[in-house]
Amino acid sequence: MTTTDPATPARTGGHHTMTMNQDQLQRLRDHYDNHSTAHEMEDGHWETDTHPNPMVGTSLRLPQDLLNWVRTRAQDEGVKPGLLMRRWIEERRAAEQTAADGVEQRIQTLEEAVLAVGAAVPAPSDTLRRALHRLSTSSLPVQKDVRQQDAQPDSPATR
């Protein structure tokens, strides 16, 4: 409840709130100072089903000209500046994750190629043999299949 001039509607967060004069506010204080609301709470329940990744607020300091630019872009897109900045951050995170996934896939492909070529070498050097062993015992799931192939008696790696 707000205690503003009753002739002027109070606004909080875009919603109208009820205004009270000092007498009404004092009666409300007296009521809750002298009455228990425990019986009203008996049928209530605690909210235990909360969102696992709640939205939280943060403060960001920007130069005035940058903030003006963000506000203009947001207005052009018909959204609030905070939403636009969050969208940009989420897009950047997704792009970085996609890039990281691409690098991981390329590494896995290279490891598979090295194992396949190494298995085809009739007499590998000790250095190549150690490198192939390190690769074949890596934690990548694909490498388990290669190790199983290498364990077969007639594979080139066991000759």
N, C-alpha and C. Protein backbone atom coordinates (compact mmCIF):
# COMPACT_ATOMS: atom_id res chain seq x y z
N MET A 1 0.84 -1.18 0.00
CA MET A 1 0.00 0.00 0.00
C MET A 1 0.88 1.24 0.00
N THR A 2 0.47 2.22 -0.72
CA THR A 2 1.25 3.45 -0.75
C THR A 2 0.48 4.56 -0.05
N THR A 3 1.20 5.51 0.40
CA THR A 3 0.56 6.65 1.07
C THR A 3 0.83 7.89 0.25
N THR A 4 0.17 7.97 -0.89
CA THR A 4 0.33 9.13 -1.75
C THR A 4 -0.93 9.96 -1.67
N ASP A 5 -0.91 11.06 -2.34
CA ASP A 5 -2.09 11.92 -2.42
C ASP A 5 -3.23 11.12 -3.04
N PRO A 6 -4.37 10.97 -2.34
CA PRO A 6 -5.47 10.16 -2.85
C PRO A 6 -5.98 10.60 -4.22
N ALA A 7 -5.75 11.82 -4.61
CA ALA A 7 -6.23 12.29 -5.90
C ALA A 7 -5.33 11.78 -7.04
N THR A 8 -4.12 11.32 -6.72
CA THR A 8 -3.18 10.84 -7.73
C THR A 8 -3.00 9.34 -7.58
N PRO A 9 -3.37 8.55 -8.58
CA PRO A 9 -3.19 7.10 -8.45
C PRO A 9 -1.70 6.75 -8.42
N ALA A 10 -1.35 5.89 -7.50
CA ALA A 10 0.04 5.45 -7.39
C ALA A 10 0.29 4.36 -8.42
N ARG A 11 1.51 4.33 -8.94
CA ARG A 11 1.87 3.28 -9.89
C ARG A 11 3.15 2.61 -9.42
N THR A 12 3.14 1.30 -9.42
CA THR A 12 4.31 0.52 -9.04
C THR A 12 4.46 -0.61 -10.04
N GLY A 13 5.55 -0.65 -10.73
CA GLY A 13 5.78 -1.72 -11.68
C GLY A 13 4.75 -1.81 -12.78
N GLY A 14 4.13 -0.70 -13.11
CA GLY A 14 3.16 -0.71 -14.18
C GLY A 14 1.76 -1.11 -13.75
N HIS A 15 1.57 -1.40 -12.47
CA HIS A 15 0.27 -1.80 -11.97
C HIS A 15 -0.27 -0.73 -11.03
N HIS A 16 -1.57 -0.49 -11.09
CA HIS A 16 -2.17 0.47 -10.16
C HIS A 16 -2.24 -0.15 -8.79
N THR A 17 -1.95 0.64 -7.77
CA THR A 17 -2.08 0.17 -6.39
C THR A 17 -3.14 1.01 -5.70
N MET A 18 -3.67 0.43 -4.63
CA MET A 18 -4.70 1.13 -3.88
C MET A 18 -4.03 2.19 -3.00
N THR A 19 -4.61 3.36 -2.95
CA THR A 19 -4.06 4.40 -2.09
C THR A 19 -4.87 4.46 -0.81
N MET A 20 -4.20 4.81 0.27
CA MET A 20 -4.86 4.88 1.58
C MET A 20 -4.50 6.21 2.24
N ASN A 21 -5.45 6.77 2.93
CA ASN A 21 -5.11 7.97 3.69
C ASN A 21 -4.51 7.53 5.03
N GLN A 22 -4.02 8.46 5.81
CA GLN A 22 -3.32 8.12 7.05
C GLN A 22 -4.23 7.40 8.05
N ASP A 23 -5.50 7.76 8.10
CA ASP A 23 -6.44 7.13 9.04
C ASP A 23 -6.65 5.65 8.66
N GLN A 24 -6.84 5.38 7.39
CA GLN A 24 -7.02 3.99 6.94
C GLN A 24 -5.76 3.16 7.19
N LEU A 25 -4.62 3.74 6.94
CA LEU A 25 -3.36 3.05 7.16
C LEU A 25 -3.17 2.74 8.65
N GLN A 26 -3.51 3.67 9.52
CA GLN A 26 -3.37 3.44 10.96
C GLN A 26 -4.31 2.34 11.43
N ARG A 27 -5.56 2.31 10.92
CA ARG A 27 -6.50 1.23 11.30
C ARG A 27 -5.98 -0.13 10.85
N LEU A 28 -5.38 -0.19 9.68
CA LEU A 28 -4.81 -1.44 9.18
C LEU A 28 -3.65 -1.88 10.07
N ARG A 29 -2.78 -0.95 10.45
CA ARG A 29 -1.67 -1.28 11.36
C ARG A 29 -2.20 -1.82 12.68
N ASP A 30 -3.17 -1.13 13.25
CA ASP A 30 -3.74 -1.56 14.53
C ASP A 30 -4.33 -2.96 14.43
N HIS A 31 -5.04 -3.23 13.35
CA HIS A 31 -5.66 -4.55 13.18
C HIS A 31 -4.60 -5.64 13.21
N TYR A 32 -3.54 -5.51 12.39
CA TYR A 32 -2.54 -6.57 12.31
C TYR A 32 -1.61 -6.59 13.52
N ASP A 33 -1.51 -5.48 14.24
CA ASP A 33 -0.73 -5.48 15.48
C ASP A 33 -1.44 -6.24 16.58
N ASN A 34 -2.78 -6.33 16.51
CA ASN A 34 -3.57 -6.91 17.60
C ASN A 34 -4.32 -8.18 17.23
N HIS A 35 -4.18 -8.69 16.03
CA HIS A 35 -4.88 -9.90 15.60
C HIS A 35 -3.90 -10.90 14.99
N SER A 36 -4.16 -12.16 15.22
CA SER A 36 -3.34 -13.22 14.65
C SER A 36 -3.93 -13.67 13.32
N THR A 37 -3.09 -13.98 12.39
CA THR A 37 -3.54 -14.52 11.11
C THR A 37 -3.18 -16.01 10.99
N ALA A 38 -2.82 -16.62 12.11
CA ALA A 38 -2.41 -18.03 12.10
C ALA A 38 -3.51 -18.94 11.56
N HIS A 39 -4.76 -18.69 11.95
CA HIS A 39 -5.85 -19.55 11.48
C HIS A 39 -6.03 -19.46 9.96
N GLU A 40 -5.70 -18.32 9.38
CA GLU A 40 -5.80 -18.17 7.93
C GLU A 40 -4.66 -18.92 7.23
N MET A 41 -3.56 -19.14 7.92
CA MET A 41 -2.41 -19.80 7.32
C MET A 41 -2.46 -21.32 7.45
N GLU A 42 -3.37 -21.84 8.29
CA GLU A 42 -3.43 -23.29 8.50
C GLU A 42 -3.67 -24.07 7.22
N ASP A 43 -4.48 -23.54 6.33
CA ASP A 43 -4.78 -24.24 5.08
C ASP A 43 -3.79 -23.89 3.97
N GLY A 44 -2.83 -23.05 4.27
CA GLY A 44 -1.85 -22.65 3.27
C GLY A 44 -0.79 -23.72 3.07
N HIS A 45 0.03 -23.53 2.08
CA HIS A 45 1.13 -24.44 1.82
C HIS A 45 2.35 -23.65 1.35
N TRP A 46 3.51 -24.23 1.60
CA TRP A 46 4.76 -23.61 1.19
C TRP A 46 5.01 -23.92 -0.28
N GLU A 47 5.51 -22.95 -0.99
CA GLU A 47 5.88 -23.16 -2.38
C GLU A 47 7.21 -23.93 -2.39
N THR A 48 7.16 -25.17 -2.81
CA THR A 48 8.39 -25.96 -2.90
C THR A 48 8.76 -26.25 -4.34
N ASP A 49 7.85 -25.99 -5.23
CA ASP A 49 8.08 -26.25 -6.65
C ASP A 49 8.61 -24.98 -7.30
N THR A 50 9.91 -24.73 -7.10
CA THR A 50 10.50 -23.51 -7.63
C THR A 50 11.22 -23.78 -8.94
N HIS A 51 11.46 -22.75 -9.69
CA HIS A 51 12.13 -22.88 -10.98
C HIS A 51 13.60 -23.22 -10.75
N PRO A 52 14.15 -24.20 -11.48
CA PRO A 52 15.54 -24.60 -11.24
C PRO A 52 16.57 -23.56 -11.69
N ASN A 53 16.19 -22.67 -12.57
CA ASN A 53 17.12 -21.65 -13.07
C ASN A 53 16.40 -20.30 -13.07
N PRO A 54 16.19 -19.74 -11.89
CA PRO A 54 15.39 -18.51 -11.80
C PRO A 54 16.12 -17.31 -12.42
N MET A 55 15.32 -16.36 -12.85
CA MET A 55 15.88 -15.11 -13.35
C MET A 55 16.34 -14.29 -12.14
N VAL A 56 17.52 -13.71 -12.24
CA VAL A 56 18.04 -12.84 -11.19
C VAL A 56 18.44 -11.52 -11.81
N GLY A 57 18.38 -10.49 -11.04
CA GLY A 57 18.73 -9.16 -11.53
C GLY A 57 20.21 -8.88 -11.33
N THR A 58 20.74 -8.04 -12.17
CA THR A 58 22.12 -7.60 -12.03
C THR A 58 22.20 -6.16 -12.50
N SER A 59 23.26 -5.51 -12.13
CA SER A 59 23.47 -4.12 -12.55
C SER A 59 24.62 -4.08 -13.53
N LEU A 60 24.46 -3.28 -14.56
CA LEU A 60 25.48 -3.17 -15.59
C LEU A 60 25.74 -1.70 -15.86
N ARG A 61 26.99 -1.30 -15.73
CA ARG A 61 27.35 0.10 -15.98
C ARG A 61 27.84 0.21 -17.42
N LEU A 62 27.22 1.10 -18.18
CA LEU A 62 27.57 1.32 -19.58
C LEU A 62 27.83 2.80 -19.81
N PRO A 63 28.69 3.12 -20.75
CA PRO A 63 28.82 4.53 -21.13
C PRO A 63 27.49 5.01 -21.71
N GLN A 64 27.19 6.27 -21.50
CA GLN A 64 25.89 6.82 -21.93
C GLN A 64 25.62 6.59 -23.40
N ASP A 65 26.63 6.81 -24.26
CA ASP A 65 26.39 6.65 -25.69
C ASP A 65 26.09 5.19 -26.06
N LEU A 66 26.70 4.24 -25.36
CA LEU A 66 26.41 2.83 -25.61
C LEU A 66 25.00 2.48 -25.16
N LEU A 67 24.61 2.96 -24.00
CA LEU A 67 23.26 2.72 -23.51
C LEU A 67 22.23 3.33 -24.46
N ASN A 68 22.49 4.52 -24.95
CA ASN A 68 21.57 5.14 -25.92
C ASN A 68 21.45 4.29 -27.18
N TRP A 69 22.57 3.75 -27.64
CA TRP A 69 22.56 2.89 -28.81
C TRP A 69 21.73 1.63 -28.56
N VAL A 70 21.91 1.01 -27.37
CA VAL A 70 21.13 -0.19 -27.02
C VAL A 70 19.64 0.16 -26.96
N ARG A 71 19.31 1.28 -26.37
CA ARG A 71 17.91 1.69 -26.28
C ARG A 71 17.29 1.89 -27.67
N THR A 72 18.07 2.47 -28.58
CA THR A 72 17.57 2.67 -29.94
C THR A 72 17.34 1.32 -30.63
N ARG A 73 18.29 0.40 -30.51
CA ARG A 73 18.14 -0.93 -31.11
C ARG A 73 16.92 -1.64 -30.51
N ALA A 74 16.75 -1.52 -29.18
CA ALA A 74 15.62 -2.16 -28.52
C ALA A 74 14.30 -1.58 -29.02
N GLN A 75 14.25 -0.27 -29.14
CA GLN A 75 13.03 0.38 -29.63
C GLN A 75 12.73 -0.06 -31.06
N ASP A 76 13.76 -0.19 -31.89
CA ASP A 76 13.58 -0.66 -33.27
C ASP A 76 12.98 -2.07 -33.31
N GLU A 77 13.37 -2.90 -32.32
CA GLU A 77 12.89 -4.28 -32.28
C GLU A 77 11.61 -4.42 -31.44
N GLY A 78 11.19 -3.34 -30.82
CA GLY A 78 9.96 -3.38 -30.03
C GLY A 78 10.08 -4.13 -28.72
N VAL A 79 11.28 -4.12 -28.14
CA VAL A 79 11.51 -4.79 -26.86
C VAL A 79 12.21 -3.82 -25.91
N LYS A 80 12.29 -4.22 -24.66
CA LYS A 80 12.99 -3.40 -23.67
C LYS A 80 14.50 -3.64 -23.79
N PRO A 81 15.31 -2.64 -23.42
CA PRO A 81 16.77 -2.79 -23.53
C PRO A 81 17.31 -4.00 -22.76
N GLY A 82 16.78 -4.26 -21.58
CA GLY A 82 17.26 -5.41 -20.80
C GLY A 82 17.02 -6.73 -21.52
N LEU A 83 15.86 -6.87 -22.14
CA LEU A 83 15.55 -8.08 -22.89
C LEU A 83 16.48 -8.23 -24.08
N LEU A 84 16.74 -7.13 -24.77
CA LEU A 84 17.63 -7.18 -25.93
C LEU A 84 19.04 -7.58 -25.51
N MET A 85 19.55 -7.01 -24.42
CA MET A 85 20.89 -7.37 -23.95
C MET A 85 20.94 -8.83 -23.54
N ARG A 86 19.91 -9.33 -22.86
CA ARG A 86 19.88 -10.74 -22.47
C ARG A 86 19.87 -11.62 -23.73
N ARG A 87 19.09 -11.24 -24.73
CA ARG A 87 19.03 -12.00 -25.99
C ARG A 87 20.42 -12.06 -26.62
N TRP A 88 21.12 -10.92 -26.66
CA TRP A 88 22.47 -10.90 -27.24
C TRP A 88 23.42 -11.81 -26.47
N ILE A 89 23.33 -11.79 -25.16
CA ILE A 89 24.20 -12.64 -24.34
C ILE A 89 23.87 -14.12 -24.58
N GLU A 90 22.59 -14.45 -24.63
CA GLU A 90 22.20 -15.84 -24.88
C GLU A 90 22.65 -16.30 -26.27
N GLU A 91 22.56 -15.42 -27.27
CA GLU A 91 23.02 -15.77 -28.62
C GLU A 91 24.52 -16.01 -28.63
N ARG A 92 25.26 -15.19 -27.91
CA ARG A 92 26.72 -15.35 -27.83
C ARG A 92 27.07 -16.67 -27.15
N ARG A 93 26.37 -16.99 -26.07
CA ARG A 93 26.64 -18.24 -25.37
C ARG A 93 26.35 -19.43 -26.28
N ALA A 94 25.24 -19.38 -27.01
CA ALA A 94 24.89 -20.47 -27.93
C ALA A 94 25.94 -20.62 -29.03
N ALA A 95 26.42 -19.48 -29.56
CA ALA A 95 27.44 -19.52 -30.62
C ALA A 95 28.74 -20.12 -30.09
N GLU A 96 29.13 -19.75 -28.88
CA GLU A 96 30.36 -20.30 -28.31
C GLU A 96 30.21 -21.79 -28.04
N GLN A 97 29.04 -22.22 -27.59
CA GLN A 97 28.82 -23.64 -27.34
C GLN A 97 28.86 -24.42 -28.65
N THR A 98 28.25 -23.85 -29.70
CA THR A 98 28.28 -24.49 -31.01
C THR A 98 29.71 -24.62 -31.51
N ALA A 99 30.50 -23.57 -31.34
CA ALA A 99 31.90 -23.60 -31.76
C ALA A 99 32.67 -24.65 -30.96
N ALA A 100 32.45 -24.72 -29.66
CA ALA A 100 33.13 -25.71 -28.83
C ALA A 100 32.74 -27.13 -29.23
N ASP A 101 31.45 -27.32 -29.54
CA ASP A 101 31.00 -28.64 -29.98
C ASP A 101 31.66 -29.01 -31.30
N GLY A 102 31.83 -28.01 -32.20
CA GLY A 102 32.48 -28.25 -33.49
C GLY A 102 33.94 -28.65 -33.31
N VAL A 103 34.64 -27.98 -32.40
CA VAL A 103 36.04 -28.32 -32.13
C VAL A 103 36.13 -29.72 -31.55
N GLU A 104 35.25 -30.04 -30.63
CA GLU A 104 35.24 -31.37 -30.02
C GLU A 104 35.01 -32.45 -31.08
N GLN A 105 34.09 -32.19 -32.01
CA GLN A 105 33.81 -33.14 -33.07
C GLN A 105 35.03 -33.32 -33.98
N ARG A 106 35.70 -32.20 -34.30
CA ARG A 106 36.89 -32.29 -35.16
C ARG A 106 38.01 -33.07 -34.48
N ILE A 107 38.18 -32.86 -33.18
CA ILE A 107 39.22 -33.61 -32.45
C ILE A 107 38.90 -35.10 -32.47
N GLN A 108 37.64 -35.43 -32.24
CA GLN A 108 37.23 -36.83 -32.24
C GLN A 108 37.47 -37.46 -33.63
N THR A 109 37.15 -36.72 -34.69
CA THR A 109 37.36 -37.22 -36.04
C THR A 109 38.84 -37.45 -36.31
N LEU A 110 39.68 -36.50 -35.88
CA LEU A 110 41.12 -36.64 -36.06
C LEU A 110 41.67 -37.84 -35.29
N GLU A 111 41.19 -38.04 -34.07
CA GLU A 111 41.63 -39.19 -33.29
C GLU A 111 41.25 -40.50 -33.97
N GLU A 112 40.04 -40.55 -34.51
CA GLU A 112 39.61 -41.76 -35.22
C GLU A 112 40.49 -42.01 -36.44
N ALA A 113 40.82 -40.92 -37.17
CA ALA A 113 41.66 -41.06 -38.36
C ALA A 113 43.06 -41.54 -37.99
N VAL A 114 43.63 -40.97 -36.94
CA VAL A 114 44.98 -41.39 -36.50
C VAL A 114 44.97 -42.85 -36.09
N LEU A 115 43.97 -43.28 -35.36
CA LEU A 115 43.90 -44.69 -34.96
C LEU A 115 43.75 -45.61 -36.17
N ALA A 116 42.93 -45.19 -37.13
CA ALA A 116 42.73 -46.02 -38.32
C ALA A 116 44.02 -46.12 -39.14
N VAL A 117 44.71 -45.00 -39.33
CA VAL A 117 45.97 -45.02 -40.09
C VAL A 117 47.03 -45.80 -39.31
N GLY A 118 47.09 -45.55 -38.01
CA GLY A 118 48.08 -46.26 -37.19
C GLY A 118 47.87 -47.76 -37.20
N ALA A 119 46.62 -48.19 -37.25
CA ALA A 119 46.32 -49.62 -37.27
C ALA A 119 46.73 -50.24 -38.59
N ALA A 120 46.81 -49.42 -39.64
CA ALA A 120 47.17 -49.95 -40.96
C ALA A 120 48.68 -50.00 -41.19
N VAL A 121 49.47 -49.39 -40.33
CA VAL A 121 50.93 -49.39 -40.47
C VAL A 121 51.44 -50.77 -40.07
N PRO A 122 52.17 -51.47 -40.99
CA PRO A 122 52.61 -52.84 -40.69
C PRO A 122 53.60 -52.93 -39.52
N ALA A 123 54.54 -52.01 -39.42
CA ALA A 123 55.52 -52.06 -38.33
C ALA A 123 55.68 -50.66 -37.75
N PRO A 124 54.76 -50.25 -36.84
CA PRO A 124 54.84 -48.90 -36.31
C PRO A 124 56.05 -48.72 -35.39
N SER A 125 56.57 -47.51 -35.34
CA SER A 125 57.69 -47.21 -34.44
C SER A 125 57.18 -47.22 -33.01
N ASP A 126 58.12 -47.22 -32.07
CA ASP A 126 57.73 -47.18 -30.65
C ASP A 126 56.96 -45.91 -30.32
N THR A 127 57.36 -44.79 -30.91
CA THR A 127 56.68 -43.51 -30.67
C THR A 127 55.24 -43.58 -31.16
N LEU A 128 55.05 -44.10 -32.37
CA LEU A 128 53.69 -44.23 -32.91
C LEU A 128 52.87 -45.21 -32.09
N ARG A 129 53.50 -46.32 -31.68
CA ARG A 129 52.79 -47.32 -30.88
C ARG A 129 52.31 -46.72 -29.55
N ARG A 130 53.17 -45.91 -28.88
CA ARG A 130 52.78 -45.27 -27.62
C ARG A 130 51.66 -44.26 -27.85
N ALA A 131 51.79 -43.48 -28.91
CA ALA A 131 50.75 -42.47 -29.22
C ALA A 131 49.41 -43.16 -29.51
N LEU A 132 49.45 -44.23 -30.28
CA LEU A 132 48.22 -44.97 -30.58
C LEU A 132 47.62 -45.56 -29.31
N HIS A 133 48.48 -46.04 -28.43
CA HIS A 133 47.98 -46.60 -27.17
C HIS A 133 47.29 -45.52 -26.33
N ARG A 134 47.93 -44.34 -26.24
CA ARG A 134 47.31 -43.24 -25.49
C ARG A 134 45.95 -42.87 -26.09
N LEU A 135 45.87 -42.78 -27.39
CA LEU A 135 44.60 -42.47 -28.05
C LEU A 135 43.57 -43.56 -27.82
N SER A 136 44.00 -44.81 -27.92
CA SER A 136 43.04 -45.91 -27.80
C SER A 136 42.51 -46.08 -26.39
N THR A 137 43.18 -45.50 -25.41
CA THR A 137 42.69 -45.61 -24.03
C THR A 137 42.06 -44.31 -23.56
N SER A 138 41.77 -43.39 -24.51
CA SER A 138 41.12 -42.13 -24.13
C SER A 138 39.68 -42.42 -23.73
N SER A 139 39.03 -41.40 -23.19
CA SER A 139 37.67 -41.58 -22.66
C SER A 139 36.59 -41.38 -23.71
N LEU A 140 36.96 -41.12 -24.97
CA LEU A 140 35.94 -40.93 -25.99
C LEU A 140 35.23 -42.24 -26.28
N PRO A 141 33.93 -42.26 -26.31
CA PRO A 141 33.17 -43.49 -26.55
C PRO A 141 33.54 -44.16 -27.87
N VAL A 142 33.83 -43.36 -28.90
CA VAL A 142 34.13 -43.92 -30.21
C VAL A 142 35.40 -44.77 -30.14
N GLN A 143 36.35 -44.38 -29.28
CA GLN A 143 37.61 -45.09 -29.21
C GLN A 143 37.44 -46.51 -28.68
N LYS A 144 36.40 -46.77 -27.91
CA LYS A 144 36.17 -48.12 -27.39
C LYS A 144 35.94 -49.08 -28.54
N ASP A 145 35.23 -48.64 -29.58
CA ASP A 145 34.99 -49.49 -30.74
C ASP A 145 36.31 -49.80 -31.46
N VAL A 146 37.18 -48.81 -31.56
CA VAL A 146 38.47 -49.00 -32.23
C VAL A 146 39.31 -49.98 -31.44
N ARG A 147 39.31 -49.88 -30.11
CA ARG A 147 40.08 -50.81 -29.28
C ARG A 147 39.58 -52.23 -29.48
N GLN A 148 38.27 -52.39 -29.58
CA GLN A 148 37.71 -53.73 -29.78
C GLN A 148 38.16 -54.29 -31.12
N GLN A 149 38.21 -53.44 -32.16
CA GLN A 149 38.68 -53.88 -33.47
C GLN A 149 40.16 -54.26 -33.39
N ASP A 150 40.95 -53.46 -32.66
CA ASP A 150 42.38 -53.72 -32.55
C ASP A 150 42.66 -54.99 -31.76
N ALA A 151 41.74 -55.41 -30.91
CA ALA A 151 41.95 -56.59 -30.09
C ALA A 151 41.74 -57.87 -30.89
N GLN A 152 41.17 -57.78 -32.08
CA GLN A 152 40.95 -58.98 -32.90
C GLN A 152 42.29 -59.49 -33.38
N PRO A 153 42.50 -60.83 -33.39
CA PRO A 153 43.81 -61.42 -33.71
C PRO A 153 44.34 -61.07 -35.10
N ASP A 154 43.48 -60.87 -36.08
CA ASP A 154 44.00 -60.64 -37.42
C ASP A 154 44.05 -59.17 -37.80
N SER A 155 43.92 -58.25 -36.81
CA SER A 155 44.00 -56.82 -37.14
C SER A 155 45.46 -56.44 -37.32
N PRO A 156 45.76 -55.46 -38.16
CA PRO A 156 47.15 -55.04 -38.39
C PRO A 156 47.85 -54.57 -37.13
N ALA A 157 47.15 -54.03 -36.15
CA ALA A 157 47.80 -53.51 -34.95
C ALA A 157 48.37 -54.62 -34.09
N THR A 158 47.87 -55.87 -34.22
CA THR A 158 48.33 -56.94 -33.35
C THR A 158 49.37 -57.81 -34.03
N ARG A 159 49.76 -57.49 -35.24
CA ARG A 159 50.75 -58.29 -35.97
C ARG A 159 52.15 -57.98 -35.53
